[in-house]
């Protein structure tokens, strides 16, 4: 029996390839991924235009990443639930609602971060 060496460079490279493949699938197949991408690009353009500080960039980058991670996990939950539960099921619906609530919470936190970083700078422009 062949033992898989999970520490080998080949195994690690293959695991990164699978992750990249998942990210490409997510961006190509999930409509919400593109919605988040539009807002992320807008935040990046605003950050460049308003010359935000390094600390503000860290906050914005983490906020963007937080939303994408939440949406990816939400997509996983939805895909798995739809695959395992083929009829209407209250618990399956609740699981999907909770996963969507996680994305909503991440988006609210990202919006708050955006307001904290960008609002004072926009007000200075007025």
N, C-alpha and C. Protein backbone atom coordinates (compact mmCIF):
# COMPACT_ATOMS: atom_id res chain seq x y z
N UNK A 1 0.84 -1.19 0.00
CA UNK A 1 0.00 0.00 0.00
C UNK A 1 0.88 1.25 0.00
N UNK A 2 0.56 2.19 -0.87
CA UNK A 2 1.34 3.42 -0.99
C UNK A 2 0.93 4.42 0.08
N UNK A 3 1.90 4.93 0.79
CA UNK A 3 1.65 5.98 1.76
C UNK A 3 1.84 7.33 1.06
N UNK A 4 0.90 8.23 1.30
CA UNK A 4 1.00 9.58 0.73
C UNK A 4 1.77 10.45 1.71
N UNK A 5 2.82 11.07 1.22
CA UNK A 5 3.59 11.98 2.05
C UNK A 5 2.99 13.37 1.91
N UNK A 6 2.19 13.76 2.90
CA UNK A 6 1.50 15.05 2.85
C UNK A 6 2.44 16.23 3.01
N UNK A 7 3.69 15.97 3.36
CA UNK A 7 4.67 17.05 3.49
C UNK A 7 5.51 17.22 2.23
N UNK A 8 5.30 16.35 1.25
CA UNK A 8 6.12 16.44 0.04
C UNK A 8 5.75 17.67 -0.77
N UNK A 9 6.73 18.25 -1.46
CA UNK A 9 6.43 19.41 -2.32
C UNK A 9 5.38 19.10 -3.39
N UNK A 10 5.40 17.89 -3.93
CA UNK A 10 4.42 17.53 -4.95
C UNK A 10 3.00 17.53 -4.38
N UNK A 11 2.84 16.98 -3.19
CA UNK A 11 1.52 16.96 -2.55
C UNK A 11 1.05 18.39 -2.25
N UNK A 12 1.95 19.20 -1.74
CA UNK A 12 1.61 20.58 -1.41
C UNK A 12 1.25 21.37 -2.67
N UNK A 13 2.01 21.17 -3.74
CA UNK A 13 1.71 21.86 -5.00
C UNK A 13 0.34 21.45 -5.52
N UNK A 14 0.03 20.17 -5.42
CA UNK A 14 -1.26 19.68 -5.88
C UNK A 14 -2.40 20.27 -5.05
N UNK A 15 -2.20 20.43 -3.74
CA UNK A 15 -3.25 20.99 -2.90
C UNK A 15 -3.48 22.47 -3.23
N UNK A 16 -2.41 23.19 -3.56
CA UNK A 16 -2.57 24.59 -3.99
C UNK A 16 -3.30 24.65 -5.33
N UNK A 17 -2.99 23.72 -6.21
CA UNK A 17 -3.66 23.66 -7.51
C UNK A 17 -5.17 23.46 -7.32
N UNK A 18 -5.56 22.54 -6.41
CA UNK A 18 -6.99 22.30 -6.15
C UNK A 18 -7.66 23.55 -5.59
N UNK A 19 -6.97 24.24 -4.70
CA UNK A 19 -7.51 25.48 -4.14
C UNK A 19 -7.70 26.54 -5.21
N UNK A 20 -6.71 26.68 -6.07
CA UNK A 20 -6.80 27.65 -7.16
C UNK A 20 -7.94 27.28 -8.10
N UNK A 21 -8.08 25.98 -8.40
CA UNK A 21 -9.16 25.49 -9.25
C UNK A 21 -10.52 25.83 -8.63
N UNK A 22 -10.63 25.68 -7.30
CA UNK A 22 -11.87 26.04 -6.61
C UNK A 22 -12.16 27.52 -6.70
N UNK A 23 -11.14 28.34 -6.57
CA UNK A 23 -11.31 29.79 -6.67
C UNK A 23 -11.76 30.19 -8.07
N UNK A 24 -11.15 29.59 -9.08
CA UNK A 24 -11.55 29.87 -10.46
C UNK A 24 -13.01 29.45 -10.68
N UNK A 25 -13.38 28.28 -10.17
CA UNK A 25 -14.77 27.83 -10.31
C UNK A 25 -15.71 28.82 -9.63
N UNK A 26 -15.37 29.23 -8.41
CA UNK A 26 -16.19 30.18 -7.65
C UNK A 26 -16.40 31.46 -8.44
N UNK A 27 -15.32 32.04 -8.95
CA UNK A 27 -15.41 33.30 -9.69
C UNK A 27 -16.17 33.14 -11.00
N UNK A 28 -16.09 31.97 -11.60
CA UNK A 28 -16.74 31.75 -12.88
C UNK A 28 -18.19 31.31 -12.79
N UNK A 29 -18.61 30.84 -11.62
CA UNK A 29 -19.94 30.23 -11.53
C UNK A 29 -20.88 30.85 -10.49
N UNK A 30 -20.36 31.63 -9.61
CA UNK A 30 -21.20 32.23 -8.56
C UNK A 30 -21.42 33.71 -8.85
N UNK A 31 -22.66 34.07 -9.13
CA UNK A 31 -23.01 35.46 -9.44
C UNK A 31 -22.58 36.39 -8.32
N UNK A 32 -22.77 35.96 -7.09
CA UNK A 32 -22.43 36.83 -5.95
C UNK A 32 -20.93 37.11 -5.90
N UNK A 33 -20.13 36.21 -6.44
CA UNK A 33 -18.68 36.45 -6.47
C UNK A 33 -18.38 37.71 -7.27
N UNK A 34 -19.11 37.89 -8.37
CA UNK A 34 -18.88 39.07 -9.20
C UNK A 34 -19.39 40.34 -8.53
N UNK A 35 -20.48 40.23 -7.79
CA UNK A 35 -20.99 41.38 -7.03
C UNK A 35 -19.93 41.81 -6.01
N UNK A 36 -19.38 40.84 -5.28
CA UNK A 36 -18.34 41.15 -4.30
C UNK A 36 -17.09 41.71 -4.98
N UNK A 37 -16.77 41.19 -6.16
CA UNK A 37 -15.61 41.67 -6.90
C UNK A 37 -15.77 43.14 -7.29
N UNK A 38 -16.97 43.51 -7.73
CA UNK A 38 -17.24 44.90 -8.10
C UNK A 38 -17.01 45.82 -6.89
N UNK A 39 -17.55 45.43 -5.73
CA UNK A 39 -17.37 46.25 -4.53
C UNK A 39 -15.91 46.27 -4.09
N UNK A 40 -15.22 45.14 -4.22
CA UNK A 40 -13.80 45.09 -3.84
C UNK A 40 -12.98 46.02 -4.73
N UNK A 41 -13.22 45.97 -6.03
CA UNK A 41 -12.50 46.84 -6.96
C UNK A 41 -12.81 48.31 -6.65
N UNK A 42 -14.08 48.61 -6.36
CA UNK A 42 -14.45 49.99 -6.01
C UNK A 42 -13.70 50.45 -4.75
N UNK A 43 -13.60 49.58 -3.76
CA UNK A 43 -12.88 49.93 -2.53
C UNK A 43 -11.39 50.15 -2.81
N UNK A 44 -10.82 49.31 -3.66
CA UNK A 44 -9.41 49.46 -4.01
C UNK A 44 -9.16 50.76 -4.78
N UNK A 45 -10.03 51.06 -5.72
CA UNK A 45 -9.89 52.32 -6.47
C UNK A 45 -10.04 53.52 -5.54
N UNK A 46 -11.03 53.45 -4.64
CA UNK A 46 -11.22 54.54 -3.67
C UNK A 46 -10.00 54.67 -2.77
N UNK A 47 -9.43 53.54 -2.34
CA UNK A 47 -8.25 53.57 -1.49
C UNK A 47 -7.06 54.21 -2.18
N UNK A 48 -6.89 53.87 -3.44
CA UNK A 48 -5.79 54.48 -4.22
C UNK A 48 -6.05 55.98 -4.39
N UNK A 49 -7.27 56.32 -4.79
CA UNK A 49 -7.61 57.72 -5.05
C UNK A 49 -7.54 58.59 -3.81
N UNK A 50 -7.92 58.03 -2.68
CA UNK A 50 -7.93 58.81 -1.44
C UNK A 50 -6.63 58.66 -0.65
N UNK A 51 -5.69 57.89 -1.20
CA UNK A 51 -4.37 57.71 -0.57
C UNK A 51 -4.49 57.27 0.90
N UNK A 52 -5.21 56.17 1.11
CA UNK A 52 -5.39 55.69 2.48
C UNK A 52 -4.06 55.17 3.03
N UNK A 53 -3.95 55.15 4.34
CA UNK A 53 -2.71 54.75 5.02
C UNK A 53 -2.53 53.23 4.96
N UNK A 54 -1.35 52.78 5.34
CA UNK A 54 -1.06 51.34 5.38
C UNK A 54 -2.02 50.62 6.32
N UNK A 55 -2.28 51.18 7.49
CA UNK A 55 -3.22 50.55 8.44
C UNK A 55 -4.62 50.48 7.84
N UNK A 56 -5.02 51.50 7.13
CA UNK A 56 -6.34 51.50 6.49
C UNK A 56 -6.40 50.45 5.37
N UNK A 57 -5.29 50.30 4.64
CA UNK A 57 -5.23 49.25 3.61
C UNK A 57 -5.39 47.87 4.23
N UNK A 58 -4.73 47.66 5.35
CA UNK A 58 -4.85 46.37 6.04
C UNK A 58 -6.31 46.09 6.39
N UNK A 59 -6.99 47.09 6.92
CA UNK A 59 -8.41 46.93 7.28
C UNK A 59 -9.25 46.62 6.04
N UNK A 60 -9.04 47.35 4.98
CA UNK A 60 -9.82 47.15 3.74
C UNK A 60 -9.54 45.77 3.14
N UNK A 61 -8.27 45.39 3.09
CA UNK A 61 -7.91 44.07 2.52
C UNK A 61 -8.53 42.95 3.35
N UNK A 62 -8.46 43.06 4.67
CA UNK A 62 -9.08 42.03 5.51
C UNK A 62 -10.59 42.01 5.35
N UNK A 63 -11.20 43.16 5.22
CA UNK A 63 -12.65 43.21 5.03
C UNK A 63 -13.05 42.55 3.71
N UNK A 64 -12.32 42.84 2.65
CA UNK A 64 -12.59 42.22 1.35
C UNK A 64 -12.41 40.70 1.44
N UNK A 65 -11.31 40.28 2.02
CA UNK A 65 -11.05 38.85 2.17
C UNK A 65 -12.09 38.15 3.02
N UNK A 66 -12.53 38.80 4.08
CA UNK A 66 -13.55 38.25 4.99
C UNK A 66 -14.84 37.97 4.22
N UNK A 67 -15.25 38.89 3.38
CA UNK A 67 -16.48 38.71 2.60
C UNK A 67 -16.32 37.56 1.61
N UNK A 68 -15.20 37.51 0.91
CA UNK A 68 -14.98 36.44 -0.06
C UNK A 68 -14.93 35.07 0.62
N UNK A 69 -14.25 34.98 1.75
CA UNK A 69 -14.19 33.70 2.47
C UNK A 69 -15.59 33.28 2.91
N UNK A 70 -16.36 34.22 3.45
CA UNK A 70 -17.72 33.90 3.87
C UNK A 70 -18.56 33.42 2.69
N UNK A 71 -18.44 34.09 1.55
CA UNK A 71 -19.22 33.70 0.37
C UNK A 71 -18.78 32.34 -0.17
N UNK A 72 -17.50 32.06 -0.13
CA UNK A 72 -17.02 30.74 -0.57
C UNK A 72 -17.58 29.65 0.34
N UNK A 73 -17.53 29.85 1.64
CA UNK A 73 -18.10 28.85 2.56
C UNK A 73 -19.61 28.73 2.37
N UNK A 74 -20.28 29.83 2.14
CA UNK A 74 -21.72 29.79 1.87
C UNK A 74 -22.01 28.96 0.62
N UNK A 75 -21.21 29.16 -0.42
CA UNK A 75 -21.38 28.38 -1.64
C UNK A 75 -21.16 26.89 -1.37
N UNK A 76 -20.17 26.57 -0.55
CA UNK A 76 -19.93 25.16 -0.18
C UNK A 76 -21.14 24.57 0.53
N UNK A 77 -21.67 25.28 1.49
CA UNK A 77 -22.82 24.80 2.24
C UNK A 77 -24.02 24.61 1.31
N UNK A 78 -24.26 25.58 0.43
CA UNK A 78 -25.38 25.47 -0.49
C UNK A 78 -25.21 24.28 -1.43
N UNK A 79 -24.02 24.12 -2.02
CA UNK A 79 -23.76 23.02 -2.94
C UNK A 79 -23.94 21.66 -2.25
N UNK A 80 -23.36 21.53 -1.07
CA UNK A 80 -23.44 20.27 -0.35
C UNK A 80 -24.86 19.96 0.09
N UNK A 81 -25.55 20.97 0.59
CA UNK A 81 -26.93 20.78 1.03
C UNK A 81 -27.82 20.38 -0.14
N UNK A 82 -27.68 21.06 -1.25
CA UNK A 82 -28.49 20.73 -2.43
C UNK A 82 -28.19 19.33 -2.94
N UNK A 83 -26.95 18.90 -2.79
CA UNK A 83 -26.57 17.55 -3.24
C UNK A 83 -27.12 16.47 -2.32
N UNK A 84 -27.10 16.73 -1.01
CA UNK A 84 -27.51 15.71 -0.04
C UNK A 84 -29.01 15.68 0.21
N UNK A 85 -29.66 16.83 0.13
CA UNK A 85 -31.09 16.92 0.44
C UNK A 85 -31.81 17.30 -0.86
N UNK A 86 -32.57 16.36 -1.39
CA UNK A 86 -33.19 16.59 -2.70
C UNK A 86 -34.64 17.06 -2.59
N UNK A 87 -35.20 17.07 -1.40
CA UNK A 87 -36.57 17.57 -1.24
C UNK A 87 -36.59 18.69 -0.21
N UNK A 88 -37.73 19.35 -0.11
CA UNK A 88 -37.86 20.43 0.88
C UNK A 88 -37.60 19.89 2.27
N UNK A 89 -36.77 20.58 3.03
CA UNK A 89 -36.42 20.14 4.37
C UNK A 89 -36.16 21.38 5.22
N UNK A 90 -36.84 21.47 6.34
CA UNK A 90 -36.74 22.65 7.20
C UNK A 90 -35.31 22.84 7.71
N UNK A 91 -34.69 21.78 8.14
CA UNK A 91 -33.33 21.89 8.67
C UNK A 91 -32.34 22.29 7.58
N UNK A 92 -32.47 21.70 6.40
CA UNK A 92 -31.59 22.07 5.28
C UNK A 92 -31.77 23.54 4.94
N UNK A 93 -33.00 24.01 4.93
CA UNK A 93 -33.26 25.42 4.67
C UNK A 93 -32.63 26.31 5.72
N UNK A 94 -32.72 25.87 6.98
CA UNK A 94 -32.13 26.66 8.07
C UNK A 94 -30.61 26.71 7.94
N UNK A 95 -30.00 25.60 7.57
CA UNK A 95 -28.55 25.55 7.39
C UNK A 95 -28.12 26.53 6.30
N UNK A 96 -28.85 26.53 5.20
CA UNK A 96 -28.53 27.45 4.11
C UNK A 96 -28.76 28.90 4.52
N UNK A 97 -29.83 29.15 5.28
CA UNK A 97 -30.10 30.50 5.78
C UNK A 97 -28.98 30.98 6.70
N UNK A 98 -28.50 30.08 7.56
CA UNK A 98 -27.42 30.45 8.47
C UNK A 98 -26.13 30.75 7.71
N UNK A 99 -25.84 29.96 6.69
CA UNK A 99 -24.65 30.23 5.88
C UNK A 99 -24.77 31.58 5.18
N UNK A 100 -25.95 31.87 4.66
CA UNK A 100 -26.19 33.18 4.02
C UNK A 100 -26.09 34.30 5.04
N UNK A 101 -26.54 34.04 6.26
CA UNK A 101 -26.44 35.05 7.33
C UNK A 101 -24.97 35.36 7.63
N UNK A 102 -24.11 34.35 7.53
CA UNK A 102 -22.68 34.58 7.71
C UNK A 102 -22.13 35.55 6.68
N UNK A 103 -22.58 35.40 5.44
CA UNK A 103 -22.14 36.33 4.38
C UNK A 103 -22.68 37.73 4.67
N UNK A 104 -23.94 37.80 5.05
CA UNK A 104 -24.54 39.10 5.38
C UNK A 104 -23.76 39.78 6.50
N UNK A 105 -23.42 39.03 7.51
CA UNK A 105 -22.66 39.59 8.64
C UNK A 105 -21.29 40.08 8.17
N UNK A 106 -20.63 39.29 7.35
CA UNK A 106 -19.32 39.70 6.81
C UNK A 106 -19.45 40.97 5.99
N UNK A 107 -20.52 41.06 5.19
CA UNK A 107 -20.73 42.25 4.36
C UNK A 107 -21.01 43.48 5.22
N UNK A 108 -21.76 43.30 6.30
CA UNK A 108 -22.05 44.42 7.21
C UNK A 108 -20.75 44.90 7.86
N UNK A 109 -19.92 43.96 8.29
CA UNK A 109 -18.63 44.33 8.90
C UNK A 109 -17.74 45.04 7.88
N UNK A 110 -17.72 44.54 6.64
CA UNK A 110 -16.92 45.18 5.59
C UNK A 110 -17.44 46.58 5.29
N UNK A 111 -18.76 46.74 5.27
CA UNK A 111 -19.34 48.06 5.05
C UNK A 111 -18.94 49.01 6.18
N UNK A 112 -19.01 48.52 7.41
CA UNK A 112 -18.61 49.35 8.55
C UNK A 112 -17.13 49.76 8.43
N UNK A 113 -16.29 48.81 8.03
CA UNK A 113 -14.87 49.13 7.84
C UNK A 113 -14.70 50.18 6.75
N UNK A 114 -15.45 50.03 5.67
CA UNK A 114 -15.39 51.01 4.58
C UNK A 114 -15.83 52.39 5.04
N UNK A 115 -16.87 52.44 5.83
CA UNK A 115 -17.35 53.73 6.35
C UNK A 115 -16.29 54.36 7.25
N UNK A 116 -15.71 53.54 8.13
CA UNK A 116 -14.69 54.05 9.04
C UNK A 116 -13.50 54.62 8.27
N UNK A 117 -13.08 53.94 7.22
CA UNK A 117 -11.90 54.37 6.46
C UNK A 117 -12.22 55.51 5.50
N UNK A 118 -13.34 55.36 4.74
CA UNK A 118 -13.58 56.28 3.62
C UNK A 118 -14.41 57.51 3.97
N UNK A 119 -15.34 57.41 4.87
CA UNK A 119 -16.22 58.55 5.14
C UNK A 119 -15.46 59.80 5.57
N UNK A 120 -14.53 59.71 6.51
CA UNK A 120 -13.80 60.93 6.87
C UNK A 120 -13.05 61.55 5.69
N UNK A 121 -12.53 60.73 4.82
CA UNK A 121 -11.78 61.23 3.66
C UNK A 121 -12.72 61.87 2.64
N UNK A 122 -13.90 61.26 2.43
CA UNK A 122 -14.89 61.86 1.54
C UNK A 122 -15.39 63.20 2.09
N UNK A 123 -15.59 63.26 3.40
CA UNK A 123 -16.07 64.50 4.03
C UNK A 123 -15.05 65.63 3.87
N UNK A 124 -13.76 65.28 3.91
CA UNK A 124 -12.72 66.29 3.73
C UNK A 124 -12.72 66.86 2.32
N UNK A 125 -13.21 66.08 1.36
CA UNK A 125 -13.28 66.54 -0.02
C UNK A 125 -14.41 67.55 -0.24
N UNK A 126 -15.39 67.55 0.66
CA UNK A 126 -16.54 68.47 0.51
C UNK A 126 -16.23 69.86 0.98
